[in-house]
Amino acid sequence: MTLDLTAEPADLTAALVDIPSVSGEEAELSDAVWQALREQAPHLELTRSGNAVLARTHLGRGSRVVFAGHLDTVPINENLPVRRTGTGEQQRLHGCGTVDMKGGVAVLLHLAAGMPEPRHDLTFVFYDCEEVEAARNGLGRIERELAGWLDGDLAVVGEPSNAVIEAGCQGTMRVELRAEGARAHTARAWMGSNAIHALAGPLRRLADYTPRVVDIDGCTYREGLQAVRVSGGVAGNVVPDEAVLTVNYRFAPDRSLEQAEALLRELFDGFELSVVDRAAGALPGLGAPAAAELVRACGAPPVAKLGWTDVSRFAARGMPAVNFGPGDPTLAHAKEENVAAAEIRHVAEVLRAFLER
């Protein structure tokens, strides 16, 4: 399929959605994006990294904005090809990837081809394998192999954000607390020691804990500390001799990974704790000149990103980073995934105004 990057962004979204690109199977879409940019955006330098396509300007501007969007989707759930409902301002596009995040990718491709003389130098990163484990994420590979392509003064990730700027993101940490006991027949339970019961202490501490609410750059980050899994026991008539409590901590980006871990170790003092997954948050950095320009162009106050996204990868490089894209993130990955065509157009108009000023 040949993509028309000059098409109205909602129509380009539909074309992208109709090219299946489940994680690990992005080659057809990646090839189409590569061909379209090569033929329709001669002002851009292009390169590839696996199924990722990268493009950038070299205009000698005083600042550079990096736009990023992933090409992959979650597995199709009987929601292809794209389907449209409504007309005019009420039109909606339904299908896998409409929200997460081919609407955002369509906006970025449209701007990449249609703005040869933007106010800032621009880099566009269309990458693979965002919807699977972090080890396969295309941005990680690009950072290892083509790190200079990710440098800039502001990063904008086109993840769905209801067309509102979601600044930075929370950090996340998952830990396991382990308790030991002694096996016995449940008919003679007093001869053993129940490891699951031993988790009552940390569960009570969790129930009594009050998460922080933190204001950063005018954005309110609400932390969360939750038990997400309890496992233990070998049979229905055996006192468990081992149990594991899994806890997820979502923390405001003013805390480092080390500070987050220290808080958990203090809270669960006396229990064996191991960190099984962690990712740093991203400060919003809305005071940076390019970020402030984008906020003004949007015309609506930014909000905190409650969750973790790839903006964290850019923040780790010392860049302010925001999420800004069409679509309701609560519809992402759902069979009913759909996005308003008007919202896709609105995001494109905001970004065009930002780049033309």
Protein backbone atom coordinates (compact mmCIF):
# COMPACT_ATOMS: atom_id res chain seq x y z
CA MET A 1 0.00 0.00 0.00
CA THR A 2 1.22 3.51 -0.84
CA LEU A 3 0.61 6.02 1.94
CA ASP A 4 -0.40 9.55 0.99
CA LEU A 5 1.21 11.73 3.64
CA THR A 6 -0.58 14.82 2.32
CA ALA A 7 -3.97 13.26 3.04
CA GLU A 8 -6.20 14.61 5.79
CA PRO A 9 -4.75 13.10 9.01
CA ALA A 10 -7.89 11.07 9.81
CA ASP A 11 -7.76 9.48 6.34
CA LEU A 12 -4.07 8.74 6.82
CA THR A 13 -4.94 7.16 10.17
CA ALA A 14 -7.38 4.82 8.44
CA ALA A 15 -4.74 3.81 5.91
CA LEU A 16 -2.25 3.05 8.69
CA VAL A 17 -4.78 1.03 10.67
CA ASP A 18 -5.52 -1.14 7.65
CA ILE A 19 -1.87 -2.29 7.57
CA PRO A 20 -1.68 -4.83 10.41
CA SER A 21 1.41 -4.32 12.58
CA VAL A 22 1.21 -6.45 15.71
CA SER A 23 4.42 -6.23 17.74
CA GLY A 24 7.21 -8.05 15.92
CA GLU A 25 5.27 -7.94 12.64
CA GLU A 26 5.76 -4.29 11.69
CA ALA A 27 7.79 -4.89 8.50
CA GLU A 28 4.98 -4.12 6.01
CA LEU A 29 4.04 -0.88 7.76
CA SER A 30 7.66 0.09 8.31
CA ASP A 31 8.38 -0.41 4.60
CA ALA A 32 5.35 1.70 3.68
CA VAL A 33 6.41 4.52 6.00
CA TRP A 34 9.97 4.39 4.66
CA GLN A 35 8.82 4.54 1.04
CA ALA A 36 6.34 7.35 1.69
CA LEU A 37 8.88 9.53 3.48
CA ARG A 38 11.55 8.89 0.84
CA GLU A 39 9.20 9.87 -1.98
CA GLN A 40 7.17 12.64 -0.33
CA ALA A 41 9.61 14.25 2.11
CA PRO A 42 12.89 14.85 0.24
CA HIS A 43 13.89 17.50 2.80
CA LEU A 44 14.41 14.82 5.46
CA GLU A 45 17.44 12.66 6.17
CA LEU A 46 16.28 9.06 6.57
CA THR A 47 17.70 5.99 8.23
CA ARG A 48 16.40 2.65 9.50
CA SER A 49 16.97 0.45 12.51
CA GLY A 50 15.26 -2.87 12.01
CA ASN A 51 11.56 -2.05 11.67
CA ALA A 52 12.04 1.49 12.93
CA VAL A 53 12.17 4.47 10.55
CA LEU A 54 13.91 7.70 11.56
CA ALA A 55 13.84 11.06 9.78
CA ARG A 56 15.22 14.51 10.57
CA THR A 57 15.82 18.00 9.26
CA HIS A 58 19.13 19.86 9.15
CA LEU A 59 18.03 23.51 8.99
CA GLY A 60 20.46 24.98 11.51
CA ARG A 61 17.71 26.02 13.90
CA GLY A 62 18.63 26.89 17.48
CA SER A 63 16.63 24.00 18.92
CA ARG A 64 15.44 20.52 17.98
CA VAL A 65 12.17 18.77 18.82
CA VAL A 66 12.02 14.96 18.74
CA PHE A 67 8.66 13.41 17.88
CA ALA A 68 8.21 9.71 18.57
CA GLY A 69 5.48 7.19 17.87
CA HIS A 70 5.37 3.41 17.85
CA LEU A 71 4.18 1.52 14.79
CA ASP A 72 3.10 -1.67 16.54
CA THR A 73 -0.23 -2.62 18.07
CA VAL A 74 -1.49 -5.26 20.45
CA PRO A 75 -2.92 -8.41 18.81
CA ILE A 76 -5.95 -7.86 16.58
CA ASN A 77 -9.26 -8.66 18.26
CA GLU A 78 -11.74 -8.94 15.40
CA ASN A 79 -11.38 -5.17 14.93
CA LEU A 80 -9.86 -4.81 11.47
CA PRO A 81 -10.27 -3.39 8.87
CA VAL A 82 -10.98 0.13 10.04
CA ARG A 83 -14.63 1.09 10.34
CA ARG A 84 -16.10 4.61 10.35
CA THR A 85 -19.23 5.83 12.08
CA GLY A 86 -20.86 9.26 12.02
CA THR A 87 -20.17 12.11 9.66
CA GLY A 88 -18.46 15.49 9.78
CA GLU A 89 -17.39 16.55 13.26
CA GLN A 90 -19.06 13.44 14.72
CA GLN A 91 -17.08 10.93 12.67
CA ARG A 92 -15.17 8.26 14.57
CA LEU A 93 -12.65 5.67 13.39
CA HIS A 94 -12.92 2.20 14.93
CA GLY A 95 -10.25 -0.48 14.84
CA CYS A 96 -7.05 -1.90 16.29
CA GLY A 97 -4.51 0.89 16.70
CA THR A 98 -6.83 3.83 16.08
CA VAL A 99 -6.09 5.06 19.61
CA ASP A 100 -2.81 3.33 20.42
CA MET A 101 -1.36 4.89 18.44
CA LYS A 102 -1.84 5.16 14.70
CA GLY A 103 -3.81 8.38 15.06
CA GLY A 104 -0.72 9.94 16.63
CA VAL A 105 1.59 8.37 14.03
CA ALA A 106 -0.60 9.76 11.23
CA VAL A 107 -0.30 13.27 12.66
CA LEU A 108 3.50 12.97 12.85
CA LEU A 109 3.83 11.61 9.31
CA HIS A 110 1.56 14.37 7.99
CA LEU A 111 3.73 17.03 9.65
CA ALA A 112 7.00 15.36 8.61
CA ALA A 113 6.06 15.59 4.94
CA GLY A 114 4.15 18.86 5.03
CA MET A 115 6.47 21.15 7.02
CA PRO A 116 9.82 21.54 5.24
CA GLU A 117 10.57 24.85 7.02
CA PRO A 118 9.53 24.47 10.69
CA ARG A 119 10.63 26.86 13.41
CA HIS A 120 12.64 24.10 15.13
CA ASP A 121 14.75 21.37 13.63
CA LEU A 122 12.74 18.17 13.84
CA THR A 123 13.44 14.49 14.35
CA PHE A 124 10.77 11.84 13.80
CA VAL A 125 11.17 8.36 15.30
CA PHE A 126 8.69 5.70 14.20
CA TYR A 127 9.66 2.61 16.16
CA ASP A 128 8.73 -1.01 16.76
CA CYS A 129 7.84 -3.33 19.65
CA GLU A 130 6.55 -0.84 22.19
CA GLU A 131 3.66 -3.06 23.24
CA VAL A 132 5.84 -5.94 24.44
CA GLU A 133 8.60 -6.43 26.99
CA ALA A 134 11.04 -3.56 27.41
CA ALA A 135 14.00 -5.62 26.17
CA ARG A 136 12.46 -5.63 22.66
CA ASN A 137 11.46 -1.95 22.59
CA GLY A 138 12.79 -0.32 19.42
CA LEU A 139 13.74 2.86 21.26
CA GLY A 140 16.16 0.89 23.38
CA ARG A 141 17.83 -0.52 20.27
CA ILE A 142 17.98 2.93 18.68
CA GLU A 143 19.56 4.36 21.82
CA ARG A 144 22.25 1.69 21.67
CA GLU A 145 22.93 1.96 17.94
CA LEU A 146 21.88 5.49 16.87
CA ALA A 147 21.86 7.46 20.10
CA GLY A 148 22.45 10.84 18.47
CA TRP A 149 19.11 10.57 16.67
CA LEU A 150 17.31 10.86 20.02
CA ASP A 151 18.96 14.11 21.15
CA GLY A 152 16.96 17.32 21.27
CA ASP A 153 15.54 20.09 23.41
CA LEU A 154 12.06 18.60 23.76
CA ALA A 155 10.54 15.17 23.15
CA VAL A 156 6.89 14.74 22.20
CA VAL A 157 5.56 11.17 22.29
CA GLY A 158 2.31 10.84 20.38
CA GLU A 159 0.66 8.42 22.81
CA PRO A 160 -3.10 8.96 23.26
CA SER A 161 -3.73 11.72 25.80
CA ASN A 162 -7.23 12.99 24.94
CA ALA A 163 -5.49 15.74 22.93
CA VAL A 164 -4.20 17.28 26.16
CA ILE A 165 -0.52 17.59 27.07
CA GLU A 166 0.35 14.95 29.65
CA ALA A 167 3.66 16.03 31.13
CA GLY A 168 6.37 13.66 32.27
CA CYS A 169 5.28 10.36 33.76
CA GLN A 170 5.25 8.38 36.98
CA GLY A 171 7.99 5.98 37.88
CA THR A 172 7.10 2.37 38.60
CA MET A 173 8.60 -0.32 40.80
CA ARG A 174 7.43 -3.87 41.47
CA VAL A 175 8.76 -5.74 44.48
CA GLU A 176 8.19 -9.13 46.06
CA LEU A 177 7.98 -9.77 49.80
CA ARG A 178 8.71 -13.33 50.83
CA ALA A 179 7.51 -15.05 54.00
CA GLU A 180 8.47 -18.51 55.20
CA GLY A 181 6.62 -20.97 57.41
CA ALA A 182 6.52 -24.70 58.05
CA ARG A 183 4.36 -27.30 56.31
CA ALA A 184 1.86 -29.40 58.22
CA HIS A 185 -1.42 -31.15 57.54
CA THR A 186 -4.26 -28.67 57.89
CA ALA A 187 -5.93 -31.11 60.29
CA ARG A 188 -2.93 -30.53 62.58
CA ALA A 189 -2.24 -26.92 61.66
CA TRP A 190 -0.70 -26.12 65.05
CA MET A 191 2.27 -28.27 64.06
CA GLY A 192 3.12 -25.91 61.20
CA SER A 193 3.45 -22.19 60.53
CA ASN A 194 1.33 -20.52 57.84
CA ALA A 195 3.45 -18.33 55.55
CA ILE A 196 0.41 -16.68 53.96
CA HIS A 197 -0.82 -15.60 57.39
CA ALA A 198 2.60 -14.05 57.96
CA LEU A 199 1.84 -11.58 55.18
CA ALA A 200 -0.91 -9.99 57.28
CA GLY A 201 1.66 -7.52 58.65
CA PRO A 202 2.78 -6.03 55.34
CA LEU A 203 -0.80 -6.10 54.02
CA ARG A 204 -1.88 -4.05 57.03
CA ARG A 205 0.95 -1.60 56.42
CA LEU A 206 -0.23 -1.24 52.83
CA ALA A 207 -3.82 -0.66 53.89
CA ASP A 208 -2.72 2.04 56.34
CA TYR A 209 -0.33 3.78 53.94
CA THR A 210 -1.39 7.17 52.55
CA PRO A 211 0.15 7.80 49.10
CA ARG A 212 1.62 11.21 48.34
CA VAL A 213 0.00 13.80 46.11
CA VAL A 214 2.72 15.95 44.54
CA ASP A 215 2.54 19.15 42.47
CA ILE A 216 5.34 19.58 39.90
CA ASP A 217 5.23 22.40 37.33
CA GLY A 218 1.53 22.81 38.06
CA CYS A 219 0.81 19.11 37.37
CA THR A 220 -0.61 16.91 40.13
CA TYR A 221 0.93 13.45 40.41
CA ARG A 222 -0.98 10.99 42.59
CA GLU A 223 1.15 8.12 43.83
CA GLY A 224 -0.13 4.59 44.29
CA LEU A 225 1.06 1.67 46.42
CA GLN A 226 -0.91 -1.53 45.92
CA ALA A 227 -0.70 -5.25 46.57
CA VAL A 228 -1.22 -6.85 43.16
CA ARG A 229 -0.65 -10.54 43.83
CA VAL A 230 -0.39 -13.08 46.66
CA SER A 231 0.90 -16.56 45.94
CA GLY A 232 1.66 -19.53 48.15
CA GLY A 233 0.61 -23.00 49.14
CA VAL A 234 1.04 -26.36 47.46
CA ALA A 235 -2.25 -28.14 48.19
CA GLY A 236 -5.65 -27.59 49.75
CA ASN A 237 -4.79 -29.65 52.82
CA VAL A 238 -1.26 -28.39 53.48
CA VAL A 239 -0.24 -25.41 55.63
CA PRO A 240 1.78 -23.16 53.29
CA ASP A 241 5.48 -22.99 54.08
CA GLU A 242 6.20 -20.16 51.62
CA ALA A 243 4.25 -17.13 50.38
CA VAL A 244 5.04 -14.17 48.15
CA LEU A 245 3.32 -10.79 48.16
CA THR A 246 3.82 -8.68 45.02
CA VAL A 247 3.53 -4.90 45.43
CA ASN A 248 3.45 -2.22 42.74
CA TYR A 249 4.56 1.31 43.54
CA ARG A 250 3.75 4.19 41.17
CA PHE A 251 5.70 7.22 42.32
CA ALA A 252 5.96 10.87 41.36
CA PRO A 253 8.92 11.77 39.15
CA ASP A 254 10.57 13.87 41.86
CA ARG A 255 11.66 10.55 43.40
CA SER A 256 14.57 8.57 42.01
CA LEU A 257 14.59 4.80 41.72
CA GLU A 258 16.92 4.66 44.71
CA GLN A 259 14.58 6.81 46.81
CA ALA A 260 11.57 4.72 45.81
CA GLU A 261 13.33 1.51 46.80
CA ALA A 262 14.49 3.02 50.10
CA LEU A 263 10.90 3.97 50.97
CA LEU A 264 9.67 0.42 50.31
CA ARG A 265 12.47 -1.15 52.32
CA GLU A 266 11.66 1.15 55.23
CA LEU A 267 7.94 0.46 55.01
CA PHE A 268 8.44 -3.30 54.90
CA ASP A 269 11.32 -3.46 57.35
CA GLY A 270 11.68 -6.99 58.75
CA PHE A 271 10.61 -8.74 55.54
CA GLU A 272 12.73 -10.11 52.73
CA LEU A 273 12.22 -7.76 49.78
CA SER A 274 13.47 -8.07 46.22
CA VAL A 275 12.98 -5.67 43.32
CA VAL A 276 11.73 -7.50 40.23
CA ASP A 277 10.95 -4.58 37.90
CA ARG A 278 11.61 -0.85 37.90
CA ALA A 279 11.53 2.17 35.61
CA ALA A 280 12.29 5.79 36.46
CA GLY A 281 9.72 8.51 36.05
CA ALA A 282 10.12 11.65 33.95
CA LEU A 283 9.96 15.22 35.24
CA PRO A 284 7.69 17.42 33.09
CA GLY A 285 10.24 20.17 32.46
CA LEU A 286 7.53 22.54 31.27
CA GLY A 287 9.72 25.55 31.99
CA ALA A 288 12.03 24.69 29.10
CA PRO A 289 11.51 27.15 26.20
CA ALA A 290 10.31 24.62 23.61
CA ALA A 291 7.98 22.95 26.12
CA ALA A 292 6.49 26.31 27.12
CA GLU A 293 5.87 27.10 23.43
CA LEU A 294 3.99 23.83 23.00
CA VAL A 295 1.84 24.51 26.07
CA ARG A 296 0.91 27.94 24.65
CA ALA A 297 0.05 26.42 21.27
CA CYS A 298 -2.16 23.82 22.93
CA GLY A 299 -4.14 26.49 24.76
CA ALA A 300 -5.11 24.13 27.60
CA PRO A 301 -3.33 23.48 30.89
CA PRO A 302 -1.12 20.38 30.91
CA VAL A 303 -1.84 17.52 33.29
CA ALA A 304 0.35 14.90 34.93
CA LYS A 305 0.82 11.57 33.16
CA LEU A 306 -0.43 8.94 35.60
CA GLY A 307 1.38 5.90 34.29
CA TRP A 308 4.70 5.12 32.64
CA THR A 309 5.50 5.81 28.98
CA ASP A 310 8.57 6.10 26.79
CA VAL A 311 8.90 9.78 27.71
CA SER A 312 11.02 8.38 30.54
CA ARG A 313 13.67 7.30 28.04
CA PHE A 314 13.98 10.85 26.76
CA ALA A 315 13.94 12.39 30.23
CA ALA A 316 16.87 10.15 31.14
CA ARG A 317 18.76 11.92 28.35
CA GLY A 318 18.15 15.27 30.05
CA MET A 319 15.24 16.37 27.85
CA PRO A 320 11.81 17.63 28.91
CA ALA A 321 9.28 15.17 27.54
CA VAL A 322 5.49 15.12 27.15
CA ASN A 323 2.78 12.86 25.80
CA PHE A 324 0.45 14.51 23.30
CA GLY A 325 -1.79 12.61 20.95
CA PRO A 326 -5.37 11.95 19.89
CA GLY A 327 -7.54 9.33 21.54
CA ASP A 328 -8.79 8.27 24.94
CA PRO A 329 -6.10 6.10 26.59
CA THR A 330 -8.77 4.12 28.46
CA LEU A 331 -9.86 2.69 25.07
CA ALA A 332 -6.34 1.52 24.17
CA HIS A 333 -6.08 -2.26 23.66
CA ALA A 334 -9.86 -2.67 23.84
CA LYS A 335 -11.89 -4.40 21.14
CA GLU A 336 -13.97 -1.20 21.02
CA GLU A 337 -10.91 1.01 20.37
CA ASN A 338 -12.00 4.14 18.50
CA VAL A 339 -10.98 7.78 18.04
CA ALA A 340 -12.72 10.94 16.91
CA ALA A 341 -11.54 12.20 13.52
CA ALA A 342 -11.91 15.76 14.83
CA GLU A 343 -9.49 15.02 17.65
CA ILE A 344 -6.86 13.76 15.21
CA ARG A 345 -7.24 16.97 13.23
CA HIS A 346 -7.05 19.08 16.39
CA VAL A 347 -3.73 17.55 17.45
CA ALA A 348 -2.32 18.14 13.97
CA GLU A 349 -3.47 21.79 14.08
CA VAL A 350 -1.90 22.37 17.50
CA LEU A 351 1.42 20.90 16.44
CA ARG A 352 1.40 22.82 13.17
CA ALA A 353 0.78 26.07 15.09
CA PHE A 354 3.61 25.16 17.48
CA LEU A 355 6.03 24.54 14.61
CA GLU A 356 5.00 27.54 12.51
CA ARG A 357 5.41 30.16 15.26
